[in-house]
Amino acid sequence: LGDLAQSSEEMLRQNVIVNALGDSASENSRGLGNTTSYTEMKALLQQNFTFETVGRLAAKVLPIMKSIIEALVYACFIFIIPLCMIPSGYKFLFNWISTLVWLQAWAPMYAILNFIMNIAARSSTLAEIGTSGGLTIANIAGVSEANADMKTLAGYLAISIPFICIAVVKGVGTFVHLASQMTGATTQAAGA
């Protein structure tokens, strides 16, 4: 993608022309009475809005949530040591260590998600560019839409990282229960 750089003036000129062409095509379609895609477009826009809202919530809330949970888990260490002295106390220590592993697995999983989404974004961008050799008026709208979709999807998938990590550490049953509770609340919030 490094070969695609242009001056800001050229990019602005292309974007103005692309927007004008897109607006005229949309007006022409409406003038011909094309209403069949209205429901599809509305559903897609609502889905994108939900994904964007959940992504913004994840970006804002997950780092704070991780910090608070991590501080609480570290503070619980003073209770874990005495509990280890009772019969079957090793279970407390095992659960505490599992919780630490769960929290520490978030960062590598975010890195993996970022890597996958970068590959997907690059692939969809290059597919939109095709054989034209760069950004043109014909492909800039598709490139912009492809990258916006990847950004939205990455934000939406970011909220699943804690659930994936807990599935790895504690098993899939815990994952399903926790994911249904958390995603239900965020989807309701996004739909409101």
N, C-alpha and C. Protein backbone atom coordinates (compact mmCIF):
# COMPACT_ATOMS: atom_id res chain seq x y z
N LEU A 1 0.81 -1.19 0.00
CA LEU A 1 0.00 0.00 0.00
C LEU A 1 0.85 1.25 0.00
N GLY A 2 2.14 1.13 0.18
CA GLY A 2 3.02 2.29 0.19
C GLY A 2 3.11 2.98 -1.15
N ASP A 3 2.80 2.26 -2.24
CA ASP A 3 2.89 2.85 -3.57
C ASP A 3 1.69 3.73 -3.89
N LEU A 4 0.71 3.78 -3.02
CA LEU A 4 -0.54 4.44 -3.34
C LEU A 4 -0.58 5.90 -2.89
N ALA A 5 0.48 6.40 -2.32
CA ALA A 5 0.48 7.75 -1.79
C ALA A 5 0.36 8.78 -2.91
N GLN A 6 -0.46 9.80 -2.64
CA GLN A 6 -0.63 10.90 -3.56
C GLN A 6 -0.60 12.17 -2.74
N SER A 7 -0.55 13.31 -3.44
CA SER A 7 -0.60 14.56 -2.70
C SER A 7 -2.00 14.75 -2.15
N SER A 8 -2.10 15.54 -1.10
CA SER A 8 -3.40 15.75 -0.47
C SER A 8 -4.36 16.46 -1.41
N GLU A 9 -3.83 17.31 -2.26
CA GLU A 9 -4.69 18.00 -3.23
C GLU A 9 -5.30 17.02 -4.23
N GLU A 10 -4.49 16.07 -4.72
CA GLU A 10 -5.00 15.07 -5.66
C GLU A 10 -6.05 14.18 -4.99
N MET A 11 -5.79 13.79 -3.73
CA MET A 11 -6.74 12.95 -3.01
C MET A 11 -8.06 13.70 -2.78
N LEU A 12 -7.98 14.98 -2.41
CA LEU A 12 -9.17 15.77 -2.19
C LEU A 12 -9.97 15.91 -3.48
N ARG A 13 -9.29 16.19 -4.58
CA ARG A 13 -9.95 16.32 -5.87
C ARG A 13 -10.67 15.01 -6.25
N GLN A 14 -9.99 13.90 -6.06
CA GLN A 14 -10.60 12.61 -6.38
C GLN A 14 -11.82 12.34 -5.50
N ASN A 15 -11.71 12.63 -4.20
CA ASN A 15 -12.83 12.39 -3.29
C ASN A 15 -14.04 13.25 -3.65
N VAL A 16 -13.82 14.51 -4.04
CA VAL A 16 -14.92 15.38 -4.44
C VAL A 16 -15.62 14.81 -5.67
N ILE A 17 -14.85 14.36 -6.63
CA ILE A 17 -15.43 13.80 -7.86
C ILE A 17 -16.17 12.50 -7.56
N VAL A 18 -15.58 11.64 -6.75
CA VAL A 18 -16.21 10.37 -6.40
C VAL A 18 -17.54 10.61 -5.69
N ASN A 19 -17.55 11.53 -4.73
CA ASN A 19 -18.80 11.83 -4.01
C ASN A 19 -19.85 12.40 -4.95
N ALA A 20 -19.46 13.25 -5.87
CA ALA A 20 -20.42 13.81 -6.82
C ALA A 20 -20.99 12.72 -7.72
N LEU A 21 -20.14 11.82 -8.20
CA LEU A 21 -20.61 10.73 -9.04
C LEU A 21 -21.52 9.79 -8.25
N GLY A 22 -21.16 9.48 -7.01
CA GLY A 22 -21.98 8.60 -6.18
C GLY A 22 -23.34 9.21 -5.90
N ASP A 23 -23.37 10.51 -5.60
CA ASP A 23 -24.64 11.19 -5.35
C ASP A 23 -25.53 11.18 -6.59
N SER A 24 -24.93 11.44 -7.74
CA SER A 24 -25.74 11.47 -8.97
C SER A 24 -26.27 10.08 -9.31
N ALA A 25 -25.47 9.04 -9.10
CA ALA A 25 -25.93 7.67 -9.36
C ALA A 25 -27.07 7.30 -8.42
N SER A 26 -26.98 7.72 -7.16
CA SER A 26 -28.03 7.43 -6.19
C SER A 26 -29.32 8.15 -6.56
N GLU A 27 -29.21 9.42 -6.97
CA GLU A 27 -30.38 10.19 -7.39
C GLU A 27 -31.01 9.56 -8.63
N ASN A 28 -30.20 9.11 -9.57
CA ASN A 28 -30.69 8.48 -10.79
C ASN A 28 -31.44 7.19 -10.45
N SER A 29 -30.90 6.41 -9.53
CA SER A 29 -31.54 5.15 -9.11
C SER A 29 -32.89 5.42 -8.46
N ARG A 30 -32.95 6.43 -7.59
CA ARG A 30 -34.22 6.78 -6.95
C ARG A 30 -35.21 7.32 -7.98
N GLY A 31 -34.73 8.06 -8.95
CA GLY A 31 -35.60 8.60 -10.00
C GLY A 31 -36.24 7.50 -10.83
N LEU A 32 -35.56 6.38 -10.95
CA LEU A 32 -36.10 5.26 -11.72
C LEU A 32 -37.01 4.38 -10.87
N GLY A 33 -37.20 4.73 -9.60
CA GLY A 33 -38.12 3.98 -8.74
C GLY A 33 -37.52 2.75 -8.11
N ASN A 34 -36.22 2.69 -7.96
CA ASN A 34 -35.57 1.52 -7.37
C ASN A 34 -35.68 1.59 -5.85
N THR A 35 -36.66 0.88 -5.29
CA THR A 35 -36.85 0.86 -3.83
C THR A 35 -36.55 -0.50 -3.23
N THR A 36 -36.19 -1.47 -4.05
CA THR A 36 -35.99 -2.82 -3.52
C THR A 36 -34.79 -2.91 -2.59
N SER A 37 -33.80 -2.08 -2.78
CA SER A 37 -32.62 -2.18 -1.94
C SER A 37 -32.72 -1.33 -0.68
N TYR A 38 -33.83 -0.65 -0.48
CA TYR A 38 -33.97 0.20 0.70
C TYR A 38 -33.89 -0.62 1.99
N THR A 39 -34.62 -1.73 2.05
CA THR A 39 -34.61 -2.53 3.28
C THR A 39 -33.24 -3.15 3.53
N GLU A 40 -32.60 -3.58 2.46
CA GLU A 40 -31.25 -4.14 2.61
C GLU A 40 -30.28 -3.07 3.11
N MET A 41 -30.38 -1.87 2.54
CA MET A 41 -29.49 -0.79 2.94
C MET A 41 -29.75 -0.38 4.39
N LYS A 42 -31.02 -0.33 4.78
CA LYS A 42 -31.36 0.02 6.16
C LYS A 42 -30.80 -1.01 7.13
N ALA A 43 -30.97 -2.30 6.81
CA ALA A 43 -30.45 -3.35 7.68
C ALA A 43 -28.93 -3.30 7.78
N LEU A 44 -28.27 -3.05 6.66
CA LEU A 44 -26.81 -2.96 6.66
C LEU A 44 -26.34 -1.76 7.48
N LEU A 45 -27.02 -0.64 7.34
CA LEU A 45 -26.64 0.54 8.11
C LEU A 45 -26.86 0.32 9.60
N GLN A 46 -27.96 -0.35 9.98
CA GLN A 46 -28.20 -0.64 11.39
C GLN A 46 -27.15 -1.59 11.94
N GLN A 47 -26.77 -2.60 11.15
CA GLN A 47 -25.73 -3.53 11.58
C GLN A 47 -24.40 -2.80 11.76
N ASN A 48 -24.05 -1.96 10.80
CA ASN A 48 -22.81 -1.20 10.90
C ASN A 48 -22.83 -0.27 12.11
N PHE A 49 -23.98 0.35 12.36
CA PHE A 49 -24.08 1.24 13.52
C PHE A 49 -23.89 0.46 14.82
N THR A 50 -24.50 -0.72 14.90
CA THR A 50 -24.33 -1.56 16.09
C THR A 50 -22.88 -1.98 16.26
N PHE A 51 -22.26 -2.43 15.17
CA PHE A 51 -20.86 -2.84 15.23
C PHE A 51 -19.96 -1.67 15.65
N GLU A 52 -20.21 -0.49 15.08
CA GLU A 52 -19.39 0.68 15.44
C GLU A 52 -19.58 1.06 16.90
N THR A 53 -20.82 1.01 17.37
CA THR A 53 -21.10 1.35 18.77
C THR A 53 -20.43 0.37 19.72
N VAL A 54 -20.56 -0.91 19.43
CA VAL A 54 -19.92 -1.93 20.27
C VAL A 54 -18.40 -1.78 20.21
N GLY A 55 -17.87 -1.48 19.03
CA GLY A 55 -16.43 -1.27 18.89
C GLY A 55 -15.94 -0.09 19.70
N ARG A 56 -16.69 1.02 19.67
CA ARG A 56 -16.31 2.19 20.47
C ARG A 56 -16.40 1.88 21.96
N LEU A 57 -17.45 1.14 22.36
CA LEU A 57 -17.57 0.75 23.77
C LEU A 57 -16.40 -0.14 24.18
N ALA A 58 -16.03 -1.08 23.30
CA ALA A 58 -14.91 -1.97 23.61
C ALA A 58 -13.61 -1.17 23.76
N ALA A 59 -13.39 -0.23 22.86
CA ALA A 59 -12.15 0.56 22.93
C ALA A 59 -12.09 1.40 24.20
N LYS A 60 -13.24 1.85 24.66
CA LYS A 60 -13.26 2.71 25.83
C LYS A 60 -13.29 1.91 27.14
N VAL A 61 -14.06 0.85 27.18
CA VAL A 61 -14.32 0.15 28.44
C VAL A 61 -13.34 -0.98 28.73
N LEU A 62 -12.95 -1.74 27.71
CA LEU A 62 -12.11 -2.92 27.97
C LEU A 62 -10.78 -2.61 28.66
N PRO A 63 -10.03 -1.58 28.25
CA PRO A 63 -8.78 -1.31 28.98
C PRO A 63 -9.01 -0.95 30.45
N ILE A 64 -10.08 -0.19 30.71
CA ILE A 64 -10.39 0.17 32.10
C ILE A 64 -10.81 -1.07 32.88
N MET A 65 -11.66 -1.88 32.26
CA MET A 65 -12.12 -3.10 32.92
C MET A 65 -10.96 -4.04 33.23
N LYS A 66 -10.03 -4.18 32.27
CA LYS A 66 -8.88 -5.05 32.50
C LYS A 66 -8.03 -4.53 33.66
N SER A 67 -7.81 -3.23 33.70
CA SER A 67 -6.99 -2.66 34.77
C SER A 67 -7.63 -2.87 36.14
N ILE A 68 -8.93 -2.67 36.23
CA ILE A 68 -9.62 -2.84 37.51
C ILE A 68 -9.60 -4.31 37.94
N ILE A 69 -9.92 -5.19 37.02
CA ILE A 69 -9.92 -6.63 37.36
C ILE A 69 -8.52 -7.08 37.76
N GLU A 70 -7.52 -6.62 37.03
CA GLU A 70 -6.14 -6.99 37.33
C GLU A 70 -5.73 -6.51 38.71
N ALA A 71 -6.09 -5.27 39.05
CA ALA A 71 -5.76 -4.74 40.38
C ALA A 71 -6.45 -5.56 41.48
N LEU A 72 -7.70 -5.92 41.25
CA LEU A 72 -8.42 -6.72 42.23
C LEU A 72 -7.81 -8.12 42.39
N VAL A 73 -7.40 -8.71 41.29
CA VAL A 73 -6.80 -10.05 41.35
C VAL A 73 -5.47 -10.01 42.10
N TYR A 74 -4.66 -8.98 41.81
CA TYR A 74 -3.39 -8.87 42.54
C TYR A 74 -3.63 -8.61 44.03
N ALA A 75 -4.65 -7.81 44.34
CA ALA A 75 -4.95 -7.53 45.75
C ALA A 75 -5.46 -8.77 46.47
N CYS A 76 -6.10 -9.67 45.76
CA CYS A 76 -6.62 -10.90 46.37
C CYS A 76 -5.51 -11.86 46.79
N PHE A 77 -4.29 -11.61 46.39
CA PHE A 77 -3.19 -12.50 46.74
C PHE A 77 -3.05 -12.63 48.26
N ILE A 78 -3.30 -11.56 48.98
CA ILE A 78 -3.15 -11.62 50.44
C ILE A 78 -4.20 -12.56 51.06
N PHE A 79 -5.29 -12.82 50.37
CA PHE A 79 -6.30 -13.76 50.86
C PHE A 79 -6.01 -15.18 50.37
N ILE A 80 -5.33 -15.30 49.24
CA ILE A 80 -5.07 -16.61 48.65
C ILE A 80 -4.07 -17.40 49.50
N ILE A 81 -3.03 -16.75 50.00
CA ILE A 81 -2.00 -17.45 50.78
C ILE A 81 -2.60 -18.13 52.01
N PRO A 82 -3.38 -17.44 52.84
CA PRO A 82 -3.97 -18.16 53.99
C PRO A 82 -4.94 -19.26 53.56
N LEU A 83 -5.67 -19.04 52.46
CA LEU A 83 -6.61 -20.06 52.00
C LEU A 83 -5.89 -21.31 51.50
N CYS A 84 -4.66 -21.16 51.07
CA CYS A 84 -3.88 -22.32 50.62
C CYS A 84 -3.54 -23.25 51.78
N MET A 85 -3.60 -22.76 53.01
CA MET A 85 -3.25 -23.57 54.18
C MET A 85 -4.35 -24.55 54.58
N ILE A 86 -5.57 -24.29 54.15
CA ILE A 86 -6.65 -25.19 54.52
C ILE A 86 -6.66 -26.40 53.58
N PRO A 87 -7.34 -27.49 53.97
CA PRO A 87 -7.42 -28.66 53.07
C PRO A 87 -8.05 -28.26 51.72
N SER A 88 -7.51 -28.77 50.69
CA SER A 88 -7.92 -28.46 49.31
C SER A 88 -7.73 -26.98 48.98
N GLY A 89 -6.86 -26.31 49.67
CA GLY A 89 -6.59 -24.90 49.44
C GLY A 89 -5.85 -24.62 48.15
N TYR A 90 -5.22 -25.65 47.62
CA TYR A 90 -4.50 -25.47 46.36
C TYR A 90 -5.46 -25.06 45.23
N LYS A 91 -6.76 -25.38 45.37
CA LYS A 91 -7.74 -25.01 44.35
C LYS A 91 -7.87 -23.48 44.25
N PHE A 92 -7.79 -22.80 45.40
CA PHE A 92 -7.83 -21.34 45.40
C PHE A 92 -6.65 -20.76 44.62
N LEU A 93 -5.46 -21.34 44.89
CA LEU A 93 -4.27 -20.88 44.19
C LEU A 93 -4.37 -21.17 42.69
N PHE A 94 -4.87 -22.34 42.35
CA PHE A 94 -5.03 -22.70 40.94
C PHE A 94 -5.99 -21.74 40.23
N ASN A 95 -7.13 -21.43 40.86
CA ASN A 95 -8.09 -20.50 40.27
C ASN A 95 -7.51 -19.10 40.14
N TRP A 96 -6.73 -18.68 41.13
CA TRP A 96 -6.12 -17.36 41.09
C TRP A 96 -5.11 -17.28 39.94
N ILE A 97 -4.31 -18.31 39.79
CA ILE A 97 -3.33 -18.34 38.69
C ILE A 97 -4.05 -18.40 37.35
N SER A 98 -5.13 -19.16 37.26
CA SER A 98 -5.91 -19.21 36.02
C SER A 98 -6.46 -17.84 35.65
N THR A 99 -6.91 -17.11 36.64
CA THR A 99 -7.43 -15.76 36.40
C THR A 99 -6.32 -14.84 35.90
N LEU A 100 -5.13 -14.97 36.47
CA LEU A 100 -3.99 -14.17 36.00
C LEU A 100 -3.63 -14.52 34.55
N VAL A 101 -3.63 -15.79 34.24
CA VAL A 101 -3.34 -16.22 32.86
C VAL A 101 -4.40 -15.66 31.91
N TRP A 102 -5.66 -15.70 32.33
CA TRP A 102 -6.75 -15.15 31.52
C TRP A 102 -6.51 -13.67 31.22
N LEU A 103 -6.17 -12.91 32.25
CA LEU A 103 -5.94 -11.47 32.05
C LEU A 103 -4.71 -11.20 31.18
N GLN A 104 -3.64 -11.96 31.39
CA GLN A 104 -2.41 -11.72 30.63
C GLN A 104 -2.52 -12.19 29.18
N ALA A 105 -3.50 -13.02 28.88
CA ALA A 105 -3.69 -13.50 27.51
C ALA A 105 -4.38 -12.47 26.62
N TRP A 106 -4.96 -11.44 27.21
CA TRP A 106 -5.68 -10.44 26.41
C TRP A 106 -4.74 -9.76 25.41
N ALA A 107 -3.59 -9.30 25.85
CA ALA A 107 -2.69 -8.54 24.97
C ALA A 107 -2.24 -9.35 23.75
N PRO A 108 -1.77 -10.59 23.91
CA PRO A 108 -1.40 -11.34 22.71
C PRO A 108 -2.59 -11.61 21.78
N MET A 109 -3.78 -11.81 22.36
CA MET A 109 -4.95 -12.05 21.52
C MET A 109 -5.34 -10.79 20.74
N TYR A 110 -5.18 -9.62 21.35
CA TYR A 110 -5.43 -8.37 20.61
C TYR A 110 -4.42 -8.23 19.47
N ALA A 111 -3.18 -8.60 19.71
CA ALA A 111 -2.16 -8.54 18.66
C ALA A 111 -2.50 -9.48 17.51
N ILE A 112 -2.99 -10.66 17.84
CA ILE A 112 -3.38 -11.62 16.80
C ILE A 112 -4.56 -11.08 16.00
N LEU A 113 -5.56 -10.53 16.71
CA LEU A 113 -6.71 -9.93 16.02
C LEU A 113 -6.27 -8.80 15.10
N ASN A 114 -5.38 -7.95 15.59
CA ASN A 114 -4.87 -6.83 14.78
C ASN A 114 -4.17 -7.35 13.53
N PHE A 115 -3.36 -8.37 13.68
CA PHE A 115 -2.64 -8.95 12.55
C PHE A 115 -3.61 -9.49 11.51
N ILE A 116 -4.60 -10.25 11.97
CA ILE A 116 -5.59 -10.83 11.05
C ILE A 116 -6.38 -9.74 10.34
N MET A 117 -6.80 -8.72 11.07
CA MET A 117 -7.59 -7.65 10.46
C MET A 117 -6.75 -6.82 9.49
N ASN A 118 -5.46 -6.64 9.77
CA ASN A 118 -4.59 -5.94 8.82
C ASN A 118 -4.45 -6.72 7.52
N ILE A 119 -4.30 -8.04 7.63
CA ILE A 119 -4.21 -8.87 6.42
C ILE A 119 -5.52 -8.79 5.63
N ALA A 120 -6.64 -8.89 6.33
CA ALA A 120 -7.94 -8.82 5.66
C ALA A 120 -8.16 -7.46 5.01
N ALA A 121 -7.79 -6.38 5.70
CA ALA A 121 -7.96 -5.03 5.14
C ALA A 121 -7.07 -4.84 3.92
N ARG A 122 -5.86 -5.31 4.00
CA ARG A 122 -4.95 -5.19 2.84
C ARG A 122 -5.48 -5.97 1.66
N SER A 123 -5.98 -7.18 1.93
CA SER A 123 -6.52 -8.02 0.86
C SER A 123 -7.74 -7.37 0.20
N SER A 124 -8.66 -6.86 1.01
CA SER A 124 -9.85 -6.24 0.43
C SER A 124 -9.52 -4.94 -0.29
N THR A 125 -8.53 -4.21 0.21
CA THR A 125 -8.10 -2.98 -0.47
C THR A 125 -7.48 -3.30 -1.81
N LEU A 126 -6.60 -4.28 -1.84
CA LEU A 126 -5.98 -4.65 -3.11
C LEU A 126 -7.00 -5.24 -4.08
N ALA A 127 -8.01 -5.94 -3.56
CA ALA A 127 -9.07 -6.47 -4.44
C ALA A 127 -9.88 -5.33 -5.06
N GLU A 128 -10.12 -4.29 -4.29
CA GLU A 128 -10.86 -3.14 -4.81
C GLU A 128 -10.03 -2.36 -5.84
N ILE A 129 -8.73 -2.29 -5.59
CA ILE A 129 -7.86 -1.56 -6.52
C ILE A 129 -7.75 -2.31 -7.84
N GLY A 130 -7.66 -3.63 -7.74
CA GLY A 130 -7.59 -4.44 -8.96
C GLY A 130 -6.31 -4.19 -9.73
N THR A 131 -6.44 -4.10 -11.04
CA THR A 131 -5.27 -3.92 -11.91
C THR A 131 -5.02 -2.48 -12.27
N SER A 132 -5.74 -1.55 -11.61
CA SER A 132 -5.59 -0.13 -11.97
C SER A 132 -4.26 0.44 -11.53
N GLY A 133 -3.58 -0.21 -10.58
CA GLY A 133 -2.26 0.24 -10.16
C GLY A 133 -2.28 1.30 -9.09
N GLY A 134 -3.41 1.71 -8.62
CA GLY A 134 -3.48 2.72 -7.57
C GLY A 134 -4.90 3.18 -7.36
N LEU A 135 -5.04 4.20 -6.52
CA LEU A 135 -6.36 4.75 -6.26
C LEU A 135 -6.82 5.58 -7.45
N THR A 136 -8.04 5.33 -7.89
CA THR A 136 -8.62 6.09 -8.98
C THR A 136 -10.03 6.52 -8.57
N ILE A 137 -10.63 7.33 -9.40
CA ILE A 137 -12.01 7.74 -9.14
C ILE A 137 -12.93 6.52 -9.13
N ALA A 138 -12.63 5.58 -9.96
CA ALA A 138 -13.49 4.40 -10.08
C ALA A 138 -13.41 3.49 -8.85
N ASN A 139 -12.29 3.45 -8.15
CA ASN A 139 -12.16 2.49 -7.06
C ASN A 139 -12.06 3.11 -5.67
N ILE A 140 -11.99 4.42 -5.56
CA ILE A 140 -11.78 5.01 -4.23
C ILE A 140 -12.95 4.79 -3.29
N ALA A 141 -14.18 4.79 -3.82
CA ALA A 141 -15.33 4.54 -2.95
C ALA A 141 -15.29 3.11 -2.40
N GLY A 142 -14.95 2.15 -3.26
CA GLY A 142 -14.85 0.77 -2.81
C GLY A 142 -13.75 0.57 -1.81
N VAL A 143 -12.61 1.22 -2.01
CA VAL A 143 -11.48 1.11 -1.08
C VAL A 143 -11.87 1.71 0.27
N SER A 144 -12.52 2.87 0.24
CA SER A 144 -12.95 3.52 1.49
C SER A 144 -13.95 2.65 2.23
N GLU A 145 -14.90 2.09 1.51
CA GLU A 145 -15.92 1.25 2.13
C GLU A 145 -15.30 -0.04 2.69
N ALA A 146 -14.38 -0.64 1.95
CA ALA A 146 -13.73 -1.87 2.42
C ALA A 146 -12.96 -1.62 3.71
N ASN A 147 -12.23 -0.51 3.77
CA ASN A 147 -11.46 -0.21 4.98
C ASN A 147 -12.36 0.18 6.14
N ALA A 148 -13.45 0.88 5.86
CA ALA A 148 -14.39 1.22 6.93
C ALA A 148 -15.03 -0.04 7.49
N ASP A 149 -15.37 -0.98 6.60
CA ASP A 149 -15.94 -2.25 7.06
C ASP A 149 -14.97 -3.02 7.93
N MET A 150 -13.71 -3.05 7.54
CA MET A 150 -12.70 -3.77 8.33
C MET A 150 -12.49 -3.12 9.69
N LYS A 151 -12.52 -1.78 9.72
CA LYS A 151 -12.37 -1.07 10.99
C LYS A 151 -13.54 -1.38 11.92
N THR A 152 -14.73 -1.38 11.37
CA THR A 152 -15.93 -1.66 12.15
C THR A 152 -15.90 -3.09 12.67
N LEU A 153 -15.54 -4.03 11.81
CA LEU A 153 -15.48 -5.43 12.21
C LEU A 153 -14.42 -5.67 13.27
N ALA A 154 -13.28 -5.03 13.13
CA ALA A 154 -12.21 -5.18 14.14
C ALA A 154 -12.66 -4.67 15.49
N GLY A 155 -13.34 -3.53 15.51
CA GLY A 155 -13.85 -3.00 16.77
C GLY A 155 -14.86 -3.92 17.41
N TYR A 156 -15.73 -4.49 16.57
CA TYR A 156 -16.75 -5.41 17.08
C TYR A 156 -16.10 -6.69 17.62
N LEU A 157 -15.12 -7.21 16.92
CA LEU A 157 -14.46 -8.44 17.35
C LEU A 157 -13.60 -8.23 18.60
N ALA A 158 -13.17 -7.00 18.84
CA ALA A 158 -12.32 -6.73 20.00
C ALA A 158 -13.03 -7.07 21.30
N ILE A 159 -14.34 -6.93 21.32
CA ILE A 159 -15.07 -7.23 22.55
C ILE A 159 -15.09 -8.73 22.85
N SER A 160 -14.80 -9.55 21.86
CA SER A 160 -14.82 -10.99 22.08
C SER A 160 -13.50 -11.53 22.66
N ILE A 161 -12.47 -10.72 22.69
CA ILE A 161 -11.16 -11.18 23.17
C ILE A 161 -11.22 -11.73 24.61
N PRO A 162 -11.84 -11.03 25.58
CA PRO A 162 -11.90 -11.62 26.93
C PRO A 162 -12.61 -12.97 26.96
N PHE A 163 -13.63 -13.13 26.11
CA PHE A 163 -14.38 -14.38 26.09
C PHE A 163 -13.55 -15.50 25.49
N ILE A 164 -12.82 -15.20 24.44
CA ILE A 164 -11.96 -16.20 23.83
C ILE A 164 -10.87 -16.63 24.81
N CYS A 165 -10.31 -15.66 25.53
CA CYS A 165 -9.26 -15.98 26.50
C CYS A 165 -9.79 -16.84 27.64
N ILE A 166 -10.99 -16.56 28.11
CA ILE A 166 -11.54 -17.38 29.19
C ILE A 166 -11.89 -18.77 28.70
N ALA A 167 -12.26 -18.89 27.42
CA ALA A 167 -12.52 -20.22 26.85
C ALA A 167 -11.25 -21.04 26.81
N VAL A 168 -10.13 -20.37 26.51
CA VAL A 168 -8.85 -21.07 26.45
C VAL A 168 -8.43 -21.52 27.86
N VAL A 169 -8.64 -20.67 28.84
CA VAL A 169 -8.17 -20.96 30.20
C VAL A 169 -9.12 -21.87 30.97
N LYS A 170 -10.42 -21.59 30.91
CA LYS A 170 -11.36 -22.30 31.79
C LYS A 170 -12.30 -23.24 31.06
N GLY A 171 -12.33 -23.21 29.76
CA GLY A 171 -13.22 -24.11 29.03
C GLY A 171 -14.34 -23.37 28.33
N VAL A 172 -14.94 -24.03 27.37
CA VAL A 172 -15.93 -23.41 26.51
C VAL A 172 -17.23 -23.11 27.25
N GLY A 173 -17.60 -23.89 28.23
CA GLY A 173 -18.84 -23.66 28.98
C GLY A 173 -18.87 -22.28 29.62
N THR A 174 -17.78 -21.91 30.24
CA THR A 174 -17.67 -20.58 30.86
C THR A 174 -17.75 -19.50 29.80
N PHE A 175 -17.13 -19.74 28.66
CA PHE A 175 -17.13 -18.80 27.55
C PHE A 175 -18.55 -18.50 27.09
N VAL A 176 -19.35 -19.53 26.88
CA VAL A 176 -20.71 -19.36 26.36
C VAL A 176 -21.55 -18.56 27.34
N HIS A 177 -21.48 -18.89 28.60
CA HIS A 177 -22.28 -18.20 29.61
C HIS A 177 -21.89 -16.72 29.71
N LEU A 178 -20.62 -16.44 29.84
CA LEU A 178 -20.15 -15.06 29.98
C LEU A 178 -20.39 -14.25 28.71
N ALA A 179 -20.16 -14.84 27.56
CA ALA A 179 -20.35 -14.13 26.29
C ALA A 179 -21.81 -13.76 26.08
N SER A 180 -22.72 -14.65 26.43
CA SER A 180 -24.14 -14.34 26.23
C SER A 180 -24.58 -13.19 27.13
N GLN A 181 -24.06 -13.14 28.34
CA GLN A 181 -24.42 -12.04 29.24
C GLN A 181 -23.84 -10.71 28.78
N MET A 182 -22.57 -10.71 28.42
CA MET A 182 -21.89 -9.45 28.05
C MET A 182 -22.36 -8.91 26.72
N THR A 183 -22.44 -9.76 25.70
CA THR A 183 -22.83 -9.26 24.38
C THR A 183 -24.29 -8.88 24.34
N GLY A 184 -25.12 -9.53 25.14
CA GLY A 184 -26.53 -9.14 25.19
C GLY A 184 -26.68 -7.72 25.70
N ALA A 185 -25.95 -7.37 26.74
CA ALA A 185 -26.02 -6.02 27.28
C ALA A 185 -25.49 -4.98 26.31
N THR A 186 -24.37 -5.27 25.65
CA THR A 186 -23.81 -4.29 24.72
C THR A 186 -24.67 -4.13 23.48
N THR A 187 -25.27 -5.21 23.01
CA THR A 187 -26.14 -5.11 21.83
C THR A 187 -27.39 -4.31 22.17
N GLN A 188 -27.95 -4.51 23.37
CA GLN A 188 -29.09 -3.72 23.78
C GLN A 188 -28.72 -2.25 23.88
N ALA A 189 -27.54 -1.96 24.41
CA ALA A 189 -27.11 -0.57 24.53
C ALA A 189 -26.90 0.06 23.17
N ALA A 190 -26.36 -0.71 22.24
CA ALA A 190 -26.12 -0.18 20.89
C ALA A 190 -27.43 0.03 20.14
N GLY A 191 -28.42 -0.82 20.40
CA GLY A 191 -29.69 -0.71 19.69
C GLY A 191 -30.56 0.42 20.23
N ALA A 192 -30.25 0.90 21.42
CA ALA A 192 -31.08 1.96 22.03
C ALA A 192 -30.82 3.31 21.43
